[in-house]
């Protein structure tokens, strides 16, 4: 690179064409392209979105529950944290 030997490569300065994956099976690549154009996603992508959304919601609920105990009153923590434990088990089962 220091000698300038990469300066005259074809496509220099042009954006990459990422519409196809050269390493994917052509049938799968075609299927994913059709799904993408129609606003659909593979099941594993949808599940990933669902899990990430649930984790975000769980963290917000945990933060809110913990804020209630910040005044030193931990008596409600066990009762408050039980639904959070159930939610986390559901999220973990989806991940598995």
PDB file of N, CA and C in Angstrom:
ATOM      1  N   UNK A   1       0.821  -1.181   0.000  1.00  0.00           N
ATOM      2  CA  UNK A   1       0.000   0.000   0.000  1.00  0.00           C
ATOM      3  C   UNK A   1       0.871   1.253   0.000  1.00  0.00           C
ATOM      4  N   UNK A   2       1.960   1.213   0.774  1.00  0.00           N
ATOM      5  CA  UNK A   2       2.841   2.378   0.842  1.00  0.00           C
ATOM      6  C   UNK A   2       3.464   2.688  -0.508  1.00  0.00           C
ATOM      7  N   UNK A   3       3.672   1.662  -1.332  1.00  0.00           N
ATOM      8  CA  UNK A   3       4.271   1.849  -2.644  1.00  0.00           C
ATOM      9  C   UNK A   3       3.240   2.258  -3.692  1.00  0.00           C
ATOM     10  N   UNK A   4       1.955   2.305  -3.301  1.00  0.00           N
ATOM     11  CA  UNK A   4       0.909   2.733  -4.228  1.00  0.00           C
ATOM     12  C   UNK A   4       0.448   1.661  -5.197  1.00  0.00           C
ATOM     13  N   UNK A   5       0.716   0.397  -4.927  1.00  0.00           N
ATOM     14  CA  UNK A   5       0.352  -0.664  -5.859  1.00  0.00           C
ATOM     15  C   UNK A   5      -1.145  -1.004  -5.831  1.00  0.00           C
ATOM     16  N   UNK A   6      -1.880  -0.449  -4.884  1.00  0.00           N
ATOM     17  CA  UNK A   6      -3.311  -0.723  -4.811  1.00  0.00           C
ATOM     18  C   UNK A   6      -4.141   0.448  -5.353  1.00  0.00           C
ATOM     19  N   UNK A   7      -3.494   1.420  -5.914  1.00  0.00           N
ATOM     20  CA  UNK A   7      -4.177   2.621  -6.383  1.00  0.00           C
ATOM     21  C   UNK A   7      -4.946   2.421  -7.679  1.00  0.00           C
ATOM     22  N   UNK A   8      -4.568   1.450  -8.497  1.00  0.00           N
ATOM     23  CA  UNK A   8      -5.207   1.297  -9.806  1.00  0.00           C
ATOM     24  C   UNK A   8      -6.100   0.052  -9.882  1.00  0.00           C
ATOM     25  N   UNK A   9      -6.683  -0.341  -8.787  1.00  0.00           N
ATOM     26  CA  UNK A   9      -7.563  -1.504  -8.777  1.00  0.00           C
ATOM     27  C   UNK A   9      -8.909  -1.145  -9.405  1.00  0.00           C
ATOM     28  N   UNK A  10      -9.544  -2.120 -10.097  1.00  0.00           N
ATOM     29  CA  UNK A  10     -10.853  -1.834 -10.689  1.00  0.00           C
ATOM     30  C   UNK A  10     -11.888  -1.558  -9.590  1.00  0.00           C
ATOM     31  N   UNK A  11     -12.739  -0.586  -9.820  1.00  0.00           N
ATOM     32  CA  UNK A  11     -13.783  -0.250  -8.858  1.00  0.00           C
ATOM     33  C   UNK A  11     -13.328   0.666  -7.742  1.00  0.00           C
ATOM     34  N   UNK A  12     -12.111   1.173  -7.831  1.00  0.00           N
ATOM     35  CA  UNK A  12     -11.602   2.061  -6.781  1.00  0.00           C
ATOM     36  C   UNK A  12     -12.487   3.300  -6.670  1.00  0.00           C
ATOM     37  N   UNK A  13     -12.886   3.605  -5.437  1.00  0.00           N
ATOM     38  CA  UNK A  13     -13.690   4.784  -5.192  1.00  0.00           C
ATOM     39  C   UNK A  13     -15.182   4.588  -5.444  1.00  0.00           C
ATOM     40  N   UNK A  14     -15.581   3.381  -5.828  1.00  0.00           N
ATOM     41  CA  UNK A  14     -16.986   3.100  -6.082  1.00  0.00           C
ATOM     42  C   UNK A  14     -17.538   2.264  -4.931  1.00  0.00           C
ATOM     43  N   UNK A  15     -18.849   2.395  -4.638  1.00  0.00           N
ATOM     44  CA  UNK A  15     -19.426   1.597  -3.552  1.00  0.00           C
ATOM     45  C   UNK A  15     -19.449   0.107  -3.903  1.00  0.00           C
ATOM     46  N   UNK A  16     -19.353  -0.710  -2.882  1.00  0.00           N
ATOM     47  CA  UNK A  16     -19.407  -2.153  -3.087  1.00  0.00           C
ATOM     48  C   UNK A  16     -20.825  -2.586  -3.414  1.00  0.00           C
ATOM     49  N   UNK A  17     -20.953  -3.616  -4.222  1.00  0.00           N
ATOM     50  CA  UNK A  17     -22.260  -4.193  -4.527  1.00  0.00           C
ATOM     51  C   UNK A  17     -22.536  -5.274  -3.495  1.00  0.00           C
ATOM     52  N   UNK A  18     -23.420  -4.964  -2.555  1.00  0.00           N
ATOM     53  CA  UNK A  18     -23.738  -5.902  -1.482  1.00  0.00           C
ATOM     54  C   UNK A  18     -25.105  -6.549  -1.676  1.00  0.00           C
ATOM     55  N   UNK A  19     -25.638  -6.506  -2.895  1.00  0.00           N
ATOM     56  CA  UNK A  19     -26.962  -7.070  -3.150  1.00  0.00           C
ATOM     57  C   UNK A  19     -26.953  -8.597  -3.142  1.00  0.00           C
ATOM     58  N   UNK A  20     -25.801  -9.190  -3.387  1.00  0.00           N
ATOM     59  CA  UNK A  20     -25.706 -10.651  -3.340  1.00  0.00           C
ATOM     60  C   UNK A  20     -24.525 -11.045  -2.475  1.00  0.00           C
ATOM     61  N   UNK A  21     -24.614 -12.253  -1.931  1.00  0.00           N
ATOM     62  CA  UNK A  21     -23.546 -12.797  -1.104  1.00  0.00           C
ATOM     63  C   UNK A  21     -22.822 -13.856  -1.925  1.00  0.00           C
ATOM     64  N   UNK A  22     -21.584 -13.621  -2.324  1.00  0.00           N
ATOM     65  CA  UNK A  22     -20.877 -14.578  -3.183  1.00  0.00           C
ATOM     66  C   UNK A  22     -20.554 -15.895  -2.476  1.00  0.00           C
ATOM     67  N   UNK A  23     -20.659 -15.910  -1.148  1.00  0.00           N
ATOM     68  CA  UNK A  23     -20.328 -17.117  -0.394  1.00  0.00           C
ATOM     69  C   UNK A  23     -21.555 -17.946  -0.038  1.00  0.00           C
ATOM     70  N   UNK A  24     -22.745 -17.431  -0.303  1.00  0.00           N
ATOM     71  CA  UNK A  24     -23.983 -18.129   0.038  1.00  0.00           C
ATOM     72  C   UNK A  24     -24.397 -19.065  -1.087  1.00  0.00           C
ATOM     73  N   UNK A  25     -25.169 -20.062  -0.709  1.00  0.00           N
ATOM     74  CA  UNK A  25     -25.767 -20.958  -1.687  1.00  0.00           C
ATOM     75  C   UNK A  25     -26.690 -20.127  -2.587  1.00  0.00           C
ATOM     76  N   UNK A  26     -26.586 -20.237  -3.897  1.00  0.00           N
ATOM     77  CA  UNK A  26     -27.408 -19.406  -4.783  1.00  0.00           C
ATOM     78  C   UNK A  26     -28.912 -19.516  -4.516  1.00  0.00           C
ATOM     79  N   UNK A  27     -29.388 -20.712  -4.182  1.00  0.00           N
ATOM     80  CA  UNK A  27     -30.817 -20.881  -3.907  1.00  0.00           C
ATOM     81  C   UNK A  27     -31.211 -20.104  -2.649  1.00  0.00           C
ATOM     82  N   UNK A  28     -30.400 -20.195  -1.607  1.00  0.00           N
ATOM     83  CA  UNK A  28     -30.682 -19.459  -0.369  1.00  0.00           C
ATOM     84  C   UNK A  28     -30.599 -17.959  -0.607  1.00  0.00           C
ATOM     85  N   UNK A  29     -29.602 -17.532  -1.357  1.00  0.00           N
ATOM     86  CA  UNK A  29     -29.434 -16.112  -1.638  1.00  0.00           C
ATOM     87  C   UNK A  29     -30.652 -15.569  -2.371  1.00  0.00           C
ATOM     88  N   UNK A  30     -31.158 -16.318  -3.338  1.00  0.00           N
ATOM     89  CA  UNK A  30     -32.355 -15.911  -4.078  1.00  0.00           C
ATOM     90  C   UNK A  30     -33.563 -15.849  -3.150  1.00  0.00           C
ATOM     91  N   UNK A  31     -33.709 -16.852  -2.295  1.00  0.00           N
ATOM     92  CA  UNK A  31     -34.827 -16.893  -1.351  1.00  0.00           C
ATOM     93  C   UNK A  31     -34.782 -15.686  -0.418  1.00  0.00           C
ATOM     94  N   UNK A  32     -33.626 -15.388   0.169  1.00  0.00           N
ATOM     95  CA  UNK A  32     -33.511 -14.255   1.084  1.00  0.00           C
ATOM     96  C   UNK A  32     -33.755 -12.924   0.374  1.00  0.00           C
ATOM     97  N   UNK A  33     -33.331 -12.824  -0.867  1.00  0.00           N
ATOM     98  CA  UNK A  33     -33.554 -11.599  -1.632  1.00  0.00           C
ATOM     99  C   UNK A  33     -35.055 -11.399  -1.888  1.00  0.00           C
ATOM    100  N   UNK A  34     -35.769 -12.478  -2.229  1.00  0.00           N
ATOM    101  CA  UNK A  34     -37.218 -12.394  -2.450  1.00  0.00           C
ATOM    102  C   UNK A  34     -37.924 -12.009  -1.155  1.00  0.00           C
ATOM    103  N   UNK A  35     -37.538 -12.649  -0.051  1.00  0.00           N
ATOM    104  CA  UNK A  35     -38.138 -12.327   1.246  1.00  0.00           C
ATOM    105  C   UNK A  35     -37.901 -10.863   1.599  1.00  0.00           C
ATOM    106  N   UNK A  36     -36.682 -10.400   1.397  1.00  0.00           N
ATOM    107  CA  UNK A  36     -36.325  -9.028   1.743  1.00  0.00           C
ATOM    108  C   UNK A  36     -37.118  -8.016   0.919  1.00  0.00           C
ATOM    109  N   UNK A  37     -37.263  -8.276  -0.368  1.00  0.00           N
ATOM    110  CA  UNK A  37     -38.002  -7.358  -1.227  1.00  0.00           C
ATOM    111  C   UNK A  37     -39.471  -7.271  -0.841  1.00  0.00           C
ATOM    112  N   UNK A  38     -40.009  -8.324  -0.228  1.00  0.00           N
ATOM    113  CA  UNK A  38     -41.412  -8.357   0.166  1.00  0.00           C
ATOM    114  C   UNK A  38     -41.625  -8.023   1.631  1.00  0.00           C
ATOM    115  N   UNK A  39     -40.591  -7.505   2.269  1.00  0.00           N
ATOM    116  CA  UNK A  39     -40.715  -7.066   3.655  1.00  0.00           C
ATOM    117  C   UNK A  39     -40.775  -8.196   4.665  1.00  0.00           C
ATOM    118  N   UNK A  40     -40.341  -9.361   4.296  1.00  0.00           N
ATOM    119  CA  UNK A  40     -40.339 -10.510   5.205  1.00  0.00           C
ATOM    120  C   UNK A  40     -38.909 -10.799   5.646  1.00  0.00           C
ATOM    121  N   UNK A  41     -38.806 -11.534   6.723  1.00  0.00           N
ATOM    122  CA  UNK A  41     -37.494 -11.914   7.214  1.00  0.00           C
ATOM    123  C   UNK A  41     -37.534 -13.381   7.626  1.00  0.00           C
ATOM    124  N   UNK A  42     -36.401 -14.052   7.582  1.00  0.00           N
ATOM    125  CA  UNK A  42     -36.367 -15.436   8.041  1.00  0.00           C
ATOM    126  C   UNK A  42     -36.792 -15.526   9.508  1.00  0.00           C
ATOM    127  N   UNK A  43     -37.270 -16.687   9.890  1.00  0.00           N
ATOM    128  CA  UNK A  43     -37.778 -16.890  11.256  1.00  0.00           C
ATOM    129  C   UNK A  43     -36.728 -16.529  12.305  1.00  0.00           C
ATOM    130  N   UNK A  44     -35.459 -16.883  12.049  1.00  0.00           N
ATOM    131  CA  UNK A  44     -34.422 -16.632  13.053  1.00  0.00           C
ATOM    132  C   UNK A  44     -34.175 -15.133  13.225  1.00  0.00           C
ATOM    133  N   UNK A  45     -34.391 -14.347  12.170  1.00  0.00           N
ATOM    134  CA  UNK A  45     -34.227 -12.898  12.270  1.00  0.00           C
ATOM    135  C   UNK A  45     -35.360 -12.311  13.099  1.00  0.00           C
ATOM    136  N   UNK A  46     -36.600 -12.769  12.838  1.00  0.00           N
ATOM    137  CA  UNK A  46     -37.751 -12.300  13.599  1.00  0.00           C
ATOM    138  C   UNK A  46     -37.591 -12.657  15.085  1.00  0.00           C
ATOM    139  N   UNK A  47     -37.147 -13.887  15.356  1.00  0.00           N
ATOM    140  CA  UNK A  47     -36.953 -14.324  16.738  1.00  0.00           C
ATOM    141  C   UNK A  47     -35.887 -13.483  17.424  1.00  0.00           C
ATOM    142  N   UNK A  48     -34.819 -13.160  16.710  1.00  0.00           N
ATOM    143  CA  UNK A  48     -33.755 -12.324  17.267  1.00  0.00           C
ATOM    144  C   UNK A  48     -34.303 -10.954  17.652  1.00  0.00           C
ATOM    145  N   UNK A  49     -35.120 -10.357  16.782  1.00  0.00           N
ATOM    146  CA  UNK A  49     -35.723  -9.052  17.081  1.00  0.00           C
ATOM    147  C   UNK A  49     -36.609  -9.144  18.318  1.00  0.00           C
ATOM    148  N   UNK A  50     -37.412 -10.204  18.382  1.00  0.00           N
ATOM    149  CA  UNK A  50     -38.320 -10.400  19.509  1.00  0.00           C
ATOM    150  C   UNK A  50     -37.543 -10.537  20.819  1.00  0.00           C
ATOM    151  N   UNK A  51     -36.477 -11.324  20.802  1.00  0.00           N
ATOM    152  CA  UNK A  51     -35.668 -11.527  22.004  1.00  0.00           C
ATOM    153  C   UNK A  51     -35.029 -10.213  22.440  1.00  0.00           C
ATOM    154  N   UNK A  52     -34.466  -9.473  21.511  1.00  0.00           N
ATOM    155  CA  UNK A  52     -33.821  -8.199  21.858  1.00  0.00           C
ATOM    156  C   UNK A  52     -34.822  -7.193  22.423  1.00  0.00           C
ATOM    157  N   UNK A  53     -36.021  -7.166  21.866  1.00  0.00           N
ATOM    158  CA  UNK A  53     -37.067  -6.277  22.384  1.00  0.00           C
ATOM    159  C   UNK A  53     -37.451  -6.672  23.799  1.00  0.00           C
ATOM    160  N   UNK A  54     -37.641  -7.966  24.023  1.00  0.00           N
ATOM    161  CA  UNK A  54     -38.014  -8.436  25.357  1.00  0.00           C
ATOM    162  C   UNK A  54     -36.912  -8.170  26.374  1.00  0.00           C
ATOM    163  N   UNK A  55     -35.666  -8.319  25.975  1.00  0.00           N
ATOM    164  CA  UNK A  55     -34.556  -8.037  26.892  1.00  0.00           C
ATOM    165  C   UNK A  55     -34.544  -6.559  27.261  1.00  0.00           C
ATOM    166  N   UNK A  56     -34.770  -5.700  26.283  1.00  0.00           N
ATOM    167  CA  UNK A  56     -34.797  -4.263  26.541  1.00  0.00           C
ATOM    168  C   UNK A  56     -35.923  -3.916  27.510  1.00  0.00           C
ATOM    169  N   UNK A  57     -37.095  -4.482  27.285  1.00  0.00           N
ATOM    170  CA  UNK A  57     -38.227  -4.240  28.182  1.00  0.00           C
ATOM    171  C   UNK A  57     -37.949  -4.780  29.582  1.00  0.00           C
ATOM    172  N   UNK A  58     -37.315  -5.953  29.651  1.00  0.00           N
ATOM    173  CA  UNK A  58     -36.990  -6.566  30.940  1.00  0.00           C
ATOM    174  C   UNK A  58     -36.018  -5.685  31.724  1.00  0.00           C
ATOM    175  N   UNK A  59     -35.019  -5.175  31.039  1.00  0.00           N
ATOM    176  CA  UNK A  59     -34.043  -4.307  31.708  1.00  0.00           C
ATOM    177  C   UNK A  59     -34.700  -3.045  32.253  1.00  0.00           C
ATOM    178  N   UNK A  60     -35.620  -2.472  31.481  1.00  0.00           N
ATOM    179  CA  UNK A  60     -36.331  -1.277  31.947  1.00  0.00           C
ATOM    180  C   UNK A  60     -37.171  -1.603  33.180  1.00  0.00           C
ATOM    181  N   UNK A  61     -37.830  -2.763  33.173  1.00  0.00           N
ATOM    182  CA  UNK A  61     -38.639  -3.168  34.321  1.00  0.00           C
ATOM    183  C   UNK A  61     -37.760  -3.432  35.537  1.00  0.00           C
ATOM    184  N   UNK A  62     -36.592  -4.030  35.320  1.00  0.00           N
ATOM    185  CA  UNK A  62     -35.657  -4.282  36.415  1.00  0.00           C
ATOM    186  C   UNK A  62     -35.172  -2.969  37.015  1.00  0.00           C
ATOM    187  N   UNK A  63     -34.825  -2.034  36.153  1.00  0.00           N
ATOM    188  CA  UNK A  63     -34.352  -0.730  36.617  1.00  0.00           C
ATOM    189  C   UNK A  63     -35.428  -0.028  37.443  1.00  0.00           C
ATOM    190  N   UNK A  64     -36.664  -0.090  36.973  1.00  0.00           N
ATOM    191  CA  UNK A  64     -37.779   0.532  37.680  1.00  0.00           C
ATOM    192  C   UNK A  64     -38.007  -0.149  39.029  1.00  0.00           C
ATOM    193  N   UNK A  65     -37.960  -1.478  39.049  1.00  0.00           N
ATOM    194  CA  UNK A  65     -38.157  -2.222  40.294  1.00  0.00           C
ATOM    195  C   UNK A  65     -37.040  -1.931  41.286  1.00  0.00           C
ATOM    196  N   UNK A  66     -35.821  -1.844  40.790  1.00  0.00           N
ATOM    197  CA  UNK A  66     -34.687  -1.579  41.684  1.00  0.00           C
ATOM    198  C   UNK A  66     -34.748  -0.156  42.236  1.00  0.00           C
ATOM    199  N   UNK A  67     -35.238   0.775  41.437  1.00  0.00           N
ATOM    200  CA  UNK A  67     -35.348   2.168  41.886  1.00  0.00           C
ATOM    201  C   UNK A  67     -36.307   2.281  43.070  1.00  0.00           C
ATOM    202  N   UNK A  68     -37.319   1.437  43.096  1.00  0.00           N
ATOM    203  CA  UNK A  68     -38.268   1.451  44.213  1.00  0.00           C
ATOM    204  C   UNK A  68     -37.617   1.000  45.520  1.00  0.00           C
ATOM    205  N   UNK A  69     -36.557   0.195  45.409  1.00  0.00           N
ATOM    206  CA  UNK A  69     -35.887  -0.293  46.622  1.00  0.00           C
ATOM    207  C   UNK A  69     -34.718   0.596  47.025  1.00  0.00           C
ATOM    208  N   UNK A  70     -34.433   1.631  46.237  1.00  0.00           N
ATOM    209  CA  UNK A  70     -33.262   2.464  46.513  1.00  0.00           C
ATOM    210  C   UNK A  70     -33.416   3.299  47.784  1.00  0.00           C
ATOM    211  N   UNK A  71     -34.639   3.409  48.276  1.00  0.00           N
ATOM    212  CA  UNK A  71     -34.839   4.179  49.499  1.00  0.00           C
ATOM    213  C   UNK A  71     -34.514   3.356  50.752  1.00  0.00           C
ATOM    214  N   UNK A  72     -33.987   2.163  50.555  1.00  0.00           N
ATOM    215  CA  UNK A  72     -33.577   1.324  51.685  1.00  0.00           C
ATOM    216  C   UNK A  72     -34.617   0.298  52.090  1.00  0.00           C
ATOM    217  N   UNK A  73     -35.804   0.357  51.501  1.00  0.00           N
ATOM    218  CA  UNK A  73     -36.860  -0.589  51.836  1.00  0.00           C
ATOM    219  C   UNK A  73     -36.790  -1.778  50.872  1.00  0.00           C
ATOM    220  N   UNK A  74     -36.146  -2.836  51.306  1.00  0.00           N
ATOM    221  CA  UNK A  74     -35.973  -4.017  50.460  1.00  0.00           C
ATOM    222  C   UNK A  74     -37.053  -5.071  50.698  1.00  0.00           C
ATOM    223  N   UNK A  75     -38.063  -4.757  51.495  1.00  0.00           N
ATOM    224  CA  UNK A  75     -39.082  -5.742  51.838  1.00  0.00           C
ATOM    225  C   UNK A  75     -39.895  -6.191  50.622  1.00  0.00           C
ATOM    226  N   UNK A  76     -40.082  -5.305  49.666  1.00  0.00           N
ATOM    227  CA  UNK A  76     -40.873  -5.659  48.481  1.00  0.00           C
ATOM    228  C   UNK A  76     -40.034  -6.271  47.355  1.00  0.00           C
ATOM    229  N   UNK A  77     -38.726  -6.295  47.522  1.00  0.00           N
ATOM    230  CA  UNK A  77     -37.862  -6.749  46.427  1.00  0.00           C
ATOM    231  C   UNK A  77     -38.164  -8.178  46.007  1.00  0.00           C
ATOM    232  N   UNK A  78     -38.337  -9.084  46.953  1.00  0.00           N
ATOM    233  CA  UNK A  78     -38.589 -10.484  46.613  1.00  0.00           C
ATOM    234  C   UNK A  78     -39.892 -10.601  45.828  1.00  0.00           C
ATOM    235  N   UNK A  79     -40.918  -9.925  46.280  1.00  0.00           N
ATOM    236  CA  UNK A  79     -42.207  -9.960  45.596  1.00  0.00           C
ATOM    237  C   UNK A  79     -42.118  -9.293  44.221  1.00  0.00           C
ATOM    238  N   UNK A  80     -41.412  -8.191  44.140  1.00  0.00           N
ATOM    239  CA  UNK A  80     -41.282  -7.452  42.890  1.00  0.00           C
ATOM    240  C   UNK A  80     -40.412  -8.190  41.879  1.00  0.00           C
ATOM    241  N   UNK A  81     -39.391  -8.881  42.353  1.00  0.00           N
ATOM    242  CA  UNK A  81     -38.454  -9.530  41.438  1.00  0.00           C
ATOM    243  C   UNK A  81     -38.958 -10.871  40.909  1.00  0.00           C
ATOM    244  N   UNK A  82     -39.956 -11.439  41.536  1.00  0.00           N
ATOM    245  CA  UNK A  82     -40.448 -12.753  41.084  1.00  0.00           C
ATOM    246  C   UNK A  82     -40.968 -12.727  39.644  1.00  0.00           C
ATOM    247  N   UNK A  83     -41.808 -11.758  39.260  1.00  0.00           N
ATOM    248  CA  UNK A  83     -42.229 -11.716  37.844  1.00  0.00           C
ATOM    249  C   UNK A  83     -41.054 -11.508  36.887  1.00  0.00           C
ATOM    250  N   UNK A  84     -40.049 -10.772  37.343  1.00  0.00           N
ATOM    251  CA  UNK A  84     -38.865 -10.554  36.497  1.00  0.00           C
ATOM    252  C   UNK A  84     -38.122 -11.866  36.262  1.00  0.00           C
ATOM    253  N   UNK A  85     -38.071 -12.709  37.287  1.00  0.00           N
ATOM    254  CA  UNK A  85     -37.428 -14.022  37.137  1.00  0.00           C
ATOM    255  C   UNK A  85     -38.178 -14.878  36.120  1.00  0.00           C
ATOM    256  N   UNK A  86     -39.500 -14.833  36.188  1.00  0.00           N
ATOM    257  CA  UNK A  86     -40.312 -15.612  35.244  1.00  0.00           C
ATOM    258  C   UNK A  86     -40.081 -15.114  33.820  1.00  0.00           C
ATOM    259  N   UNK A  87     -40.068 -13.801  33.646  1.00  0.00           N
ATOM    260  CA  UNK A  87     -39.822 -13.230  32.317  1.00  0.00           C
ATOM    261  C   UNK A  87     -38.443 -13.638  31.794  1.00  0.00           C
ATOM    262  N   UNK A  88     -37.442 -13.621  32.662  1.00  0.00           N
ATOM    263  CA  UNK A  88     -36.096 -13.981  32.222  1.00  0.00           C
ATOM    264  C   UNK A  88     -36.031 -15.452  31.815  1.00  0.00           C
ATOM    265  N   UNK A  89     -36.742 -16.315  32.522  1.00  0.00           N
ATOM    266  CA  UNK A  89     -36.782 -17.731  32.129  1.00  0.00           C
ATOM    267  C   UNK A  89     -37.405 -17.890  30.738  1.00  0.00           C
ATOM    268  N   UNK A  90     -38.444 -17.119  30.459  1.00  0.00           N
ATOM    269  CA  UNK A  90     -39.086 -17.177  29.135  1.00  0.00           C
ATOM    270  C   UNK A  90     -38.131 -16.693  28.053  1.00  0.00           C
ATOM    271  N   UNK A  91     -37.423 -15.624  28.327  1.00  0.00           N
ATOM    272  CA  UNK A  91     -36.448 -15.113  27.357  1.00  0.00           C
ATOM    273  C   UNK A  91     -35.352 -16.139  27.128  1.00  0.00           C
ATOM    274  N   UNK A  92     -34.837 -16.720  28.211  1.00  0.00           N
ATOM    275  CA  UNK A  92     -33.774 -17.725  28.074  1.00  0.00           C
ATOM    276  C   UNK A  92     -34.235 -18.939  27.293  1.00  0.00           C
ATOM    277  N   UNK A  93     -35.492 -19.339  27.473  1.00  0.00           N
ATOM    278  CA  UNK A  93     -35.982 -20.503  26.712  1.00  0.00           C
ATOM    279  C   UNK A  93     -36.054 -20.181  25.226  1.00  0.00           C
ATOM    280  N   UNK A  94     -36.381 -18.943  24.876  1.00  0.00           N
ATOM    281  CA  UNK A  94     -36.381 -18.550  23.460  1.00  0.00           C
ATOM    282  C   UNK A  94     -34.965 -18.565  22.887  1.00  0.00           C
ATOM    283  N   UNK A  95     -34.013 -18.102  23.703  1.00  0.00           N
ATOM    284  CA  UNK A  95     -32.626 -18.088  23.231  1.00  0.00           C
ATOM    285  C   UNK A  95     -32.150 -19.512  22.969  1.00  0.00           C
ATOM    286  N   UNK A  96     -32.482 -20.415  23.882  1.00  0.00           N
ATOM    287  CA  UNK A  96     -32.085 -21.824  23.682  1.00  0.00           C
ATOM    288  C   UNK A  96     -32.816 -22.436  22.519  1.00  0.00           C
TER     289      UNK A  96
END
